[in-house]
Amino acid sequence: MISFLSKLFGGGTPKEPALPTREDPVSYNNYAIIPAPEEANGGSWRLSGHIVKESENGPLERTYVRADTFPTRAEAIEFTVRKGKQIVDQQADQLFKNGEPTGRA
């Protein structure tokens, strides 16, 4: 009975937020753009993805997240790829200038 009431009123162990599921990479100008939309409040999806560049020392990855939200995951994926291409066109190798394996775009 206690566990039922606990669950009913929000008690118990908190759930870990689910990590965004990565989609298949899209190749663009020697980079890989990997959409990974995040579920936002109200059932919408936030634009989120990764840009990956292969280097001599292994892959270098930059994550980008924007405030833009979309009503469906498919739309978020489409716009995530568009934004990734725009970032590559504007910043290209500047994204990976510091040589760190991971970071923010």
Protein backbone atom coordinates (compact mmCIF):
# COMPACT_ATOMS: atom_id res chain seq x y z
CA MET A 1 0.00 0.00 0.00
CA ILE A 2 2.82 2.41 0.88
CA SER A 3 4.58 1.80 -2.46
CA PHE A 4 1.31 2.49 -4.29
CA LEU A 5 0.85 5.81 -2.49
CA SER A 6 4.49 6.66 -2.97
CA LYS A 7 4.21 6.15 -6.74
CA LEU A 8 0.89 7.97 -6.87
CA PHE A 9 2.32 11.10 -5.21
CA GLY A 10 5.66 11.13 -6.97
CA GLY A 11 7.77 9.32 -4.41
CA GLY A 12 10.17 6.52 -5.10
CA THR A 13 13.30 6.55 -7.15
CA PRO A 14 13.50 9.29 -9.78
CA LYS A 15 13.81 8.17 -13.38
CA GLU A 16 16.98 8.99 -15.26
CA PRO A 17 16.30 11.07 -18.35
CA ALA A 18 16.60 8.98 -21.49
CA LEU A 19 19.58 9.72 -23.68
CA PRO A 20 18.65 10.90 -27.17
CA THR A 21 18.69 8.10 -29.70
CA ARG A 22 21.20 8.70 -32.45
CA GLU A 23 20.07 8.27 -36.03
CA ASP A 24 22.21 7.02 -38.90
CA PRO A 25 24.97 9.44 -39.90
CA VAL A 26 24.58 11.65 -42.96
CA SER A 27 27.83 12.28 -44.87
CA TYR A 28 28.47 15.88 -45.82
CA ASN A 29 31.78 17.39 -47.05
CA ASN A 30 33.94 14.75 -45.30
CA TYR A 31 32.01 15.09 -42.03
CA ALA A 32 29.31 12.91 -40.51
CA ILE A 33 26.19 14.62 -39.21
CA ILE A 34 24.36 12.47 -36.67
CA PRO A 35 20.86 13.61 -35.70
CA ALA A 36 19.89 12.89 -32.09
CA PRO A 37 16.73 14.92 -31.33
CA GLU A 38 15.88 15.29 -27.66
CA GLU A 39 12.35 14.86 -26.39
CA ALA A 40 11.15 18.20 -25.04
CA ASN A 41 8.20 19.07 -22.84
CA GLY A 42 4.74 18.61 -24.28
CA GLY A 43 5.67 15.83 -26.68
CA SER A 44 7.76 18.03 -28.97
CA TRP A 45 11.32 17.39 -30.12
CA ARG A 46 14.37 19.64 -29.71
CA LEU A 47 16.99 20.02 -32.45
CA SER A 48 20.12 18.18 -31.33
CA GLY A 49 22.92 16.42 -33.15
CA HIS A 50 26.61 15.67 -33.54
CA ILE A 51 29.21 16.52 -36.16
CA VAL A 52 32.03 13.99 -36.46
CA LYS A 53 35.34 14.30 -38.27
CA GLU A 54 37.80 11.45 -38.63
CA SER A 55 41.38 12.32 -37.66
CA GLU A 56 44.70 10.50 -37.33
CA ASN A 57 44.01 10.06 -33.61
CA GLY A 58 40.44 8.85 -34.02
CA PRO A 59 37.08 10.56 -34.39
CA LEU A 60 36.53 14.13 -33.21
CA GLU A 61 32.95 14.99 -32.25
CA ARG A 62 31.08 18.22 -31.61
CA THR A 63 27.58 18.34 -30.19
CA TYR A 64 25.06 21.01 -31.05
CA VAL A 65 21.71 21.67 -29.38
CA ARG A 66 19.33 24.45 -30.31
CA ALA A 67 16.16 25.77 -28.70
CA ASP A 68 14.13 25.00 -31.83
CA THR A 69 11.39 22.43 -31.23
CA PHE A 70 9.29 20.45 -33.69
CA PRO A 71 6.02 18.54 -33.33
CA THR A 72 7.46 15.28 -34.70
CA ARG A 73 10.76 13.46 -34.37
CA ALA A 74 11.00 13.19 -38.17
CA GLU A 75 10.85 16.99 -38.54
CA ALA A 76 13.46 17.42 -35.81
CA ILE A 77 15.75 14.98 -37.64
CA GLU A 78 15.31 16.83 -40.93
CA PHE A 79 16.13 20.21 -39.39
CA THR A 80 18.99 18.77 -37.33
CA VAL A 81 20.66 17.64 -40.56
CA ARG A 82 20.05 21.06 -42.15
CA LYS A 83 21.56 22.85 -39.14
CA GLY A 84 24.52 20.46 -39.13
CA LYS A 85 25.22 21.24 -42.78
CA GLN A 86 24.98 24.96 -42.04
CA ILE A 87 27.46 24.63 -39.16
CA VAL A 88 29.89 22.69 -41.38
CA ASP A 89 29.55 25.29 -44.17
CA GLN A 90 30.17 28.19 -41.79
CA GLN A 91 32.75 26.77 -39.38
CA ALA A 92 34.29 23.68 -41.02
CA ASP A 93 37.68 22.88 -39.47
CA GLN A 94 37.37 25.69 -36.90
CA LEU A 95 35.10 23.29 -35.03
CA PHE A 96 38.00 20.93 -34.43
CA LYS A 97 40.87 23.41 -34.20
CA ASN A 98 41.64 22.60 -30.54
CA GLY A 99 42.01 18.88 -31.31
CA GLU A 100 39.86 17.81 -28.35
CA PRO A 101 37.97 14.55 -29.03
CA THR A 102 34.62 16.00 -27.85
CA GLY A 103 33.06 19.39 -27.35
CA ARG A 104 30.28 21.81 -28.25
CA ALA A 105 29.70 23.36 -31.66
